[in-house]
Amino acid sequence: MAAELRGALIGCGFFAVNQMHAWRDIAGASIVAICDRDSERLRIVGDQFGITRRYTDAAALFAGERLDFVDIATTAPSHRPLVEMAARHGVPAICQKPFAPTLADAKAMAKVCSDAGVPLMVHENFRWQSPIQAVRAVLDSGEIGTPFFGRISFRSAYDVFSGQPYLATGKRFIIEDLGIHSLDIARFLLGDVSTITTRTARINPEIAGEDVATMLMDHKSGATSVVDCSYATKLATEPFPQTLVEIDGSGGTIRLEQDYRLTVTGRNGTAVSDVSPPLLPWASRPWHNIQESVVAIQKHWVDCLANGTEPATSGADNLRTLALVEAAYAGAASREPVQLDTLLR
């Protein structure tokens, strides 16, 4: 039986607690050390999960531990130096999204890991939510034929700023923080994108960035999709944090609606099913769909390390999602369509 993989978590902030819970649920890997510059956050997470090996400096972590991987759950500006440090030590790395502050940084990070032969995965977990995986399974079955249109929608008035107040202060908000997930789902379901056209708005006057974004995309497959995101949409029933999906195909349709209702109309008629994610023992509503996806993506990482396969959301793959984010902002500023290939050269 293969030895359990030894991992370290770098960054003990808001979302990292979910990752720590998920590591406990996964066979074949465990977190043996944690690192954060904030000694109080380090103490809180260390005490909660019984991790005694604690570091306030990443260099000391790499020097002091024998690691099979690191899970980097810090903010984007620190990602490149930490990933490059992992590559120098030959340690595979998971990197939180957004992958990097700039596409140039992301390209450099993917290259340094590739050159070192070190696996790199971006923690882009929305595509791993069980309802999104259910949509993908229908597409793979051929039930609705060839997709020609899609809509990926995340519209809410949920107060995300109370838990993550820094989100209100950045010049970029919804595309970079949330839209990146929706854009990745669009790629996952309909393939890579050739052109994107974007419109944004700031409805909430108390924040610095955009809280509404609408993106029209041409996919290389020939399909067209609309990705729309809003944190300014008040509804009778708050859907947060559900992503709603519509796919039209040559032989039918898929509708992933509120409350995880999946309706498929295709060659075998119409079928309605409940694709609600499981409520894990440590999870809480309404976050449970995201929390469950953390387990799924981290299990995928362990399987990839064990089998020597490339992660679905590898650094190289995520360059295409990050390029969509950069293209969306460029297009919102110019109000013109943006070609993706020019950004990826």
Protein backbone atom coordinates (compact mmCIF):
# COMPACT_ATOMS: atom_id res chain seq x y z
CA MET A 1 0.00 0.00 0.00
CA ALA A 2 1.38 3.41 -0.98
CA ALA A 3 2.53 5.72 1.82
CA GLU A 4 0.24 8.61 2.69
CA LEU A 5 1.21 11.87 1.02
CA ARG A 6 2.53 14.54 3.37
CA GLY A 7 1.18 18.01 2.67
CA ALA A 8 1.45 21.51 4.09
CA LEU A 9 -1.09 24.32 3.97
CA ILE A 10 0.29 27.81 3.34
CA GLY A 11 -2.30 30.43 4.32
CA CYS A 12 -4.82 29.98 7.15
CA GLY A 13 -7.47 32.51 6.13
CA PHE A 14 -11.22 32.51 5.47
CA PHE A 15 -11.44 29.71 2.89
CA ALA A 16 -8.50 27.57 4.05
CA VAL A 17 -10.59 26.06 6.85
CA ASN A 18 -12.68 24.30 4.19
CA GLN A 19 -9.52 22.88 2.67
CA MET A 20 -8.36 21.60 6.05
CA HIS A 21 -11.70 19.88 6.66
CA ALA A 22 -11.52 18.34 3.18
CA TRP A 23 -8.00 16.99 3.72
CA ARG A 24 -9.32 15.14 6.76
CA ASP A 25 -11.93 13.43 4.57
CA ILE A 26 -9.52 12.23 1.89
CA ALA A 27 -7.65 8.95 2.02
CA GLY A 28 -4.02 8.94 0.93
CA ALA A 29 -3.00 12.42 2.07
CA SER A 30 -2.82 14.52 5.19
CA ILE A 31 -1.67 17.97 6.23
CA VAL A 32 1.35 17.69 8.54
CA ALA A 33 2.32 21.38 8.79
CA ILE A 34 0.76 24.81 8.33
CA CYS A 35 2.17 28.24 7.56
CA ASP A 36 0.84 31.78 7.91
CA ARG A 37 2.49 35.12 8.60
CA ASP A 38 -0.31 35.90 11.07
CA SER A 39 0.54 33.98 14.24
CA GLU A 40 -3.02 34.23 15.59
CA ARG A 41 -4.58 32.68 12.48
CA LEU A 42 -1.86 30.03 12.62
CA ARG A 43 -2.79 29.27 16.23
CA ILE A 44 -6.53 29.11 15.53
CA VAL A 45 -6.24 26.70 12.61
CA GLY A 46 -3.49 24.68 14.25
CA ASP A 47 -5.51 24.20 17.40
CA GLN A 48 -8.72 23.42 15.49
CA PHE A 49 -7.11 20.69 13.41
CA GLY A 50 -4.43 19.47 15.79
CA ILE A 51 -1.47 20.56 13.67
CA THR A 52 1.55 21.19 15.88
CA ARG A 53 4.13 21.94 13.19
CA ARG A 54 3.55 25.64 12.50
CA TYR A 55 5.57 28.18 10.56
CA THR A 56 5.33 31.93 10.02
CA ASP A 57 7.83 31.80 7.13
CA ALA A 58 7.42 29.69 3.99
CA ALA A 59 11.16 29.30 3.46
CA ALA A 60 11.45 27.81 6.94
CA LEU A 61 8.56 25.45 6.13
CA PHE A 62 10.29 24.08 3.04
CA ALA A 63 13.59 23.79 4.90
CA GLY A 64 12.07 22.09 7.91
CA GLU A 65 9.66 19.59 6.37
CA ARG A 66 9.74 16.63 3.99
CA LEU A 67 6.70 17.37 1.82
CA ASP A 68 4.93 15.60 -1.03
CA PHE A 69 2.84 18.71 -1.85
CA VAL A 70 1.84 22.15 -0.65
CA ASP A 71 -1.63 23.69 -0.74
CA ILE A 72 -1.21 27.44 -1.26
CA ALA A 73 -4.29 29.25 0.07
CA THR A 74 -2.95 32.80 0.21
CA THR A 75 -3.95 35.89 -1.78
CA ALA A 76 -2.91 36.27 -5.41
CA PRO A 77 0.09 38.63 -5.01
CA SER A 78 1.97 35.98 -3.01
CA HIS A 79 1.24 33.07 -5.35
CA ARG A 80 4.16 33.44 -7.73
CA PRO A 81 6.96 33.54 -5.13
CA LEU A 82 5.41 30.62 -3.25
CA VAL A 83 4.90 28.49 -6.37
CA GLU A 84 8.44 29.25 -7.52
CA MET A 85 9.72 28.29 -4.06
CA ALA A 86 7.85 24.99 -4.27
CA ALA A 87 9.30 24.34 -7.74
CA ARG A 88 12.84 24.98 -6.48
CA HIS A 89 12.29 22.39 -3.77
CA GLY A 90 10.68 19.92 -6.18
CA VAL A 91 7.39 20.00 -4.29
CA PRO A 92 4.09 19.72 -6.23
CA ALA A 93 1.76 22.64 -5.56
CA ILE A 94 -1.95 23.43 -5.47
CA CYS A 95 -2.52 27.16 -5.92
CA GLN A 96 -5.67 29.01 -4.88
CA LYS A 97 -7.54 31.07 -7.47
CA PRO A 98 -7.12 33.62 -8.92
CA PHE A 99 -3.93 31.90 -10.07
CA ALA A 100 -1.95 35.16 -10.30
CA PRO A 101 -2.42 38.95 -10.40
CA THR A 102 -1.37 39.04 -14.06
CA LEU A 103 -1.32 36.63 -16.98
CA ALA A 104 2.46 37.16 -17.25
CA ASP A 105 2.90 35.94 -13.68
CA ALA A 106 0.69 32.92 -14.35
CA LYS A 107 2.66 32.00 -17.48
CA ALA A 108 5.90 32.24 -15.49
CA MET A 109 4.49 30.03 -12.72
CA ALA A 110 3.30 27.38 -15.15
CA LYS A 111 6.67 27.43 -16.94
CA VAL A 112 8.82 27.15 -13.80
CA CYS A 113 6.85 24.12 -12.64
CA SER A 114 6.90 22.55 -16.09
CA ASP A 115 10.67 23.08 -16.38
CA ALA A 116 11.17 21.53 -12.92
CA GLY A 117 8.84 18.61 -13.68
CA VAL A 118 6.68 19.60 -10.73
CA PRO A 119 2.87 19.12 -10.90
CA LEU A 120 0.85 22.33 -10.48
CA MET A 121 -2.93 22.54 -10.04
CA VAL A 122 -5.15 25.59 -9.58
CA HIS A 123 -7.85 25.22 -6.91
CA GLU A 124 -10.60 26.06 -9.40
CA ASN A 125 -13.30 24.07 -7.64
CA PHE A 126 -16.64 25.28 -9.08
CA ARG A 127 -16.48 22.83 -11.99
CA TRP A 128 -16.16 20.08 -9.36
CA GLN A 129 -19.51 20.85 -7.75
CA SER A 130 -21.67 17.74 -8.14
CA PRO A 131 -24.49 19.60 -9.98
CA ILE A 132 -22.00 20.92 -12.57
CA GLN A 133 -20.50 17.45 -12.91
CA ALA A 134 -24.03 16.14 -13.48
CA VAL A 135 -24.47 18.58 -16.39
CA ARG A 136 -21.16 17.46 -17.85
CA ALA A 137 -22.24 13.82 -17.57
CA VAL A 138 -25.40 14.54 -19.60
CA LEU A 139 -23.33 16.24 -22.30
CA ASP A 140 -20.94 13.28 -22.40
CA SER A 141 -23.87 10.88 -22.76
CA GLY A 142 -24.92 12.50 -26.05
CA GLU A 143 -28.50 12.86 -24.79
CA ILE A 144 -28.92 16.41 -26.17
CA GLY A 145 -26.67 16.10 -29.23
CA THR A 146 -24.15 18.80 -30.08
CA PRO A 147 -24.37 21.90 -27.83
CA PHE A 148 -24.79 25.21 -29.66
CA PHE A 149 -25.78 27.59 -26.84
CA GLY A 150 -25.08 27.89 -23.13
CA ARG A 151 -25.81 30.24 -20.26
CA ILE A 152 -23.88 30.14 -16.99
CA SER A 153 -25.61 32.38 -14.46
CA PHE A 154 -24.78 33.43 -10.91
CA ARG A 155 -27.10 36.19 -9.68
CA SER A 156 -27.46 37.05 -6.01
CA ALA A 157 -27.70 39.80 -3.41
CA TYR A 158 -25.80 37.82 -0.77
CA ASP A 159 -23.51 39.92 1.44
CA VAL A 160 -20.11 38.45 0.59
CA PHE A 161 -18.33 41.47 2.05
CA SER A 162 -19.07 40.68 5.69
CA GLY A 163 -16.90 37.57 5.59
CA GLN A 164 -14.35 38.91 3.11
CA PRO A 165 -14.27 42.71 3.55
CA TYR A 166 -11.27 43.11 1.24
CA LEU A 167 -13.55 42.27 -1.69
CA ALA A 168 -15.16 45.70 -1.35
CA THR A 169 -11.88 47.58 -1.71
CA GLY A 170 -10.35 46.24 -4.92
CA LYS A 171 -10.77 47.93 -8.28
CA ARG A 172 -11.65 44.51 -9.66
CA PHE A 173 -14.38 42.50 -8.00
CA ILE A 174 -16.97 40.22 -9.51
CA ILE A 175 -15.18 38.97 -12.63
CA GLU A 176 -11.95 38.31 -10.76
CA ASP A 177 -13.53 36.77 -7.66
CA LEU A 178 -16.66 35.01 -8.96
CA GLY A 179 -16.73 35.33 -12.74
CA ILE A 180 -13.48 33.39 -12.96
CA HIS A 181 -15.42 30.34 -11.71
CA SER A 182 -18.31 30.90 -14.12
CA LEU A 183 -15.93 31.37 -17.05
CA ASP A 184 -14.15 28.14 -16.11
CA ILE A 185 -17.48 26.31 -16.01
CA ALA A 186 -18.25 27.62 -19.51
CA ARG A 187 -14.90 26.27 -20.73
CA PHE A 188 -15.51 22.97 -18.94
CA LEU A 189 -18.92 22.49 -20.55
CA LEU A 190 -18.47 24.04 -24.01
CA GLY A 191 -14.74 24.14 -24.68
CA ASP A 192 -12.18 26.88 -25.16
CA VAL A 193 -13.15 30.39 -26.20
CA SER A 194 -12.02 32.37 -29.23
CA THR A 195 -13.69 35.75 -28.56
CA ILE A 196 -15.29 37.48 -25.56
CA THR A 197 -17.40 40.65 -25.35
CA THR A 198 -18.03 42.14 -21.89
CA ARG A 199 -20.20 44.72 -20.17
CA THR A 200 -19.86 45.58 -16.47
CA ALA A 201 -21.58 47.85 -13.94
CA ARG A 202 -21.19 48.93 -10.32
CA ILE A 203 -24.60 49.02 -8.65
CA ASN A 204 -23.47 49.10 -5.01
CA PRO A 205 -21.94 52.56 -4.41
CA GLU A 206 -20.11 51.34 -1.29
CA ILE A 207 -17.64 49.14 -3.20
CA ALA A 208 -14.74 50.01 -5.49
CA GLY A 209 -15.12 47.39 -8.22
CA GLU A 210 -17.79 46.04 -10.53
CA ASP A 211 -20.59 43.93 -9.02
CA VAL A 212 -22.36 43.05 -12.29
CA ALA A 213 -20.84 41.51 -15.41
CA THR A 214 -22.31 40.09 -18.61
CA MET A 215 -20.03 38.23 -21.02
CA LEU A 216 -20.82 36.90 -24.49
CA MET A 217 -18.41 34.25 -25.78
CA ASP A 218 -17.71 32.46 -29.03
CA HIS A 219 -16.38 28.97 -28.35
CA LYS A 220 -14.03 27.19 -30.72
CA SER A 221 -16.56 24.34 -30.85
CA GLY A 222 -18.98 26.69 -32.63
CA ALA A 223 -21.19 27.18 -29.57
CA THR A 224 -22.10 30.58 -28.14
CA SER A 225 -22.46 31.23 -24.42
CA VAL A 226 -23.52 33.98 -22.07
CA VAL A 227 -21.90 34.18 -18.64
CA ASP A 228 -23.71 36.58 -16.33
CA CYS A 229 -22.76 37.40 -12.74
CA SER A 230 -24.32 39.76 -10.22
CA TYR A 231 -24.12 40.53 -6.53
CA ALA A 232 -26.79 43.21 -6.92
CA THR A 233 -29.78 41.02 -7.81
CA LYS A 234 -32.48 40.73 -5.13
CA LEU A 235 -34.75 37.73 -5.67
CA ALA A 236 -37.74 36.32 -3.83
CA THR A 237 -35.62 33.30 -2.90
CA GLU A 238 -31.89 33.92 -2.49
CA PRO A 239 -30.05 31.35 -4.64
CA PHE A 240 -26.53 31.92 -3.25
CA PRO A 241 -24.20 30.20 -3.95
CA GLN A 242 -25.85 28.24 -6.74
CA THR A 243 -24.71 28.42 -10.36
CA LEU A 244 -27.58 28.00 -12.82
CA VAL A 245 -26.93 26.47 -16.23
CA GLU A 246 -28.79 26.32 -19.53
CA ILE A 247 -27.47 24.28 -22.46
CA ASP A 248 -29.24 23.96 -25.81
CA GLY A 249 -28.12 21.16 -28.11
CA SER A 250 -29.04 19.87 -31.54
CA GLY A 251 -31.13 17.12 -29.93
CA GLY A 252 -32.36 18.61 -26.69
CA THR A 253 -31.74 20.84 -23.69
CA ILE A 254 -30.33 20.85 -20.16
CA ARG A 255 -31.61 23.15 -17.43
CA LEU A 256 -29.93 23.26 -14.02
CA GLU A 257 -32.33 25.41 -12.03
CA GLN A 258 -32.57 26.80 -8.52
CA ASP A 259 -32.55 24.24 -5.70
CA TYR A 260 -30.48 21.87 -7.85
CA ARG A 261 -33.32 20.76 -10.09
CA LEU A 262 -31.91 19.24 -13.29
CA THR A 263 -34.26 18.91 -16.27
CA VAL A 264 -33.01 17.12 -19.38
CA THR A 265 -35.07 16.96 -22.55
CA GLY A 266 -33.50 14.79 -25.23
CA ARG A 267 -33.71 11.67 -27.30
CA ASN A 268 -35.24 9.72 -24.40
CA GLY A 269 -37.87 12.33 -23.52
CA THR A 270 -37.79 14.56 -20.45
CA ALA A 271 -36.25 13.57 -17.13
CA VAL A 272 -36.20 15.66 -13.95
CA SER A 273 -33.80 14.87 -11.13
CA ASP A 274 -32.49 16.35 -7.89
CA VAL A 275 -28.73 16.83 -8.09
CA SER A 276 -28.34 18.46 -4.67
CA PRO A 277 -24.82 18.14 -3.29
CA PRO A 278 -24.40 16.10 -0.13
CA LEU A 279 -24.26 17.97 3.18
CA LEU A 280 -20.94 16.86 4.65
CA PRO A 281 -20.71 16.58 8.47
CA TRP A 282 -18.55 19.70 8.75
CA ALA A 283 -20.35 21.70 6.06
CA SER A 284 -23.17 24.23 6.45
CA ARG A 285 -25.91 25.51 4.17
CA PRO A 286 -25.84 27.32 1.82
CA TRP A 287 -22.07 26.83 1.42
CA HIS A 288 -22.29 23.04 1.23
CA ASN A 289 -22.11 22.85 -2.57
CA ILE A 290 -18.79 24.71 -2.56
CA GLN A 291 -17.50 22.80 0.46
CA GLU A 292 -18.31 19.47 -1.19
CA SER A 293 -16.45 20.54 -4.34
CA VAL A 294 -13.33 21.21 -2.27
CA VAL A 295 -13.26 17.54 -1.28
CA ALA A 296 -13.74 16.52 -4.92
CA ILE A 297 -10.93 18.64 -6.34
CA GLN A 298 -8.48 17.72 -3.59
CA LYS A 299 -9.26 14.03 -4.11
CA HIS A 300 -8.60 14.58 -7.83
CA TRP A 301 -5.20 16.06 -6.92
CA VAL A 302 -4.28 13.06 -4.77
CA ASP A 303 -5.35 10.67 -7.55
CA CYS A 304 -3.27 12.61 -10.10
CA LEU A 305 -0.17 12.51 -7.89
CA ALA A 306 -0.67 8.79 -7.28
CA ASN A 307 -1.16 7.99 -10.97
CA GLY A 308 1.23 10.52 -12.49
CA THR A 309 -1.53 12.21 -14.52
CA GLU A 310 -2.06 15.91 -15.22
CA PRO A 311 -4.80 17.60 -13.15
CA ALA A 312 -7.87 18.82 -15.04
CA THR A 313 -7.26 22.31 -13.68
CA SER A 314 -3.49 22.29 -14.16
CA GLY A 315 -1.55 25.53 -14.26
CA ALA A 316 -1.34 25.25 -18.05
CA ASP A 317 -5.10 24.72 -18.35
CA ASN A 318 -5.96 27.54 -15.97
CA LEU A 319 -3.99 30.01 -18.10
CA ARG A 320 -6.96 29.86 -20.48
CA THR A 321 -9.43 30.69 -17.71
CA LEU A 322 -7.24 33.51 -16.40
CA ALA A 323 -6.85 34.83 -19.96
CA LEU A 324 -10.66 35.04 -20.12
CA VAL A 325 -10.66 37.18 -16.98
CA GLU A 326 -8.03 39.52 -18.42
CA ALA A 327 -9.86 39.65 -21.75
CA ALA A 328 -13.15 40.40 -19.98
CA TYR A 329 -11.66 43.41 -18.20
CA ALA A 330 -9.99 44.61 -21.38
CA GLY A 331 -13.25 44.27 -23.28
CA ALA A 332 -15.25 46.01 -20.57
CA ALA A 333 -12.87 48.97 -20.82
CA SER A 334 -12.79 49.12 -24.63
CA ARG A 335 -16.39 47.92 -25.18
CA GLU A 336 -14.97 45.86 -28.05
CA PRO A 337 -14.66 42.09 -28.58
CA VAL A 338 -11.31 40.63 -27.47
CA GLN A 339 -9.53 37.72 -29.19
CA LEU A 340 -8.20 35.17 -26.71
CA ASP A 341 -5.35 33.78 -28.80
CA THR A 342 -3.55 37.12 -28.74
CA LEU A 343 -3.34 36.96 -24.92
CA LEU A 344 -2.06 33.39 -24.81
CA ARG A 345 0.88 33.81 -27.17
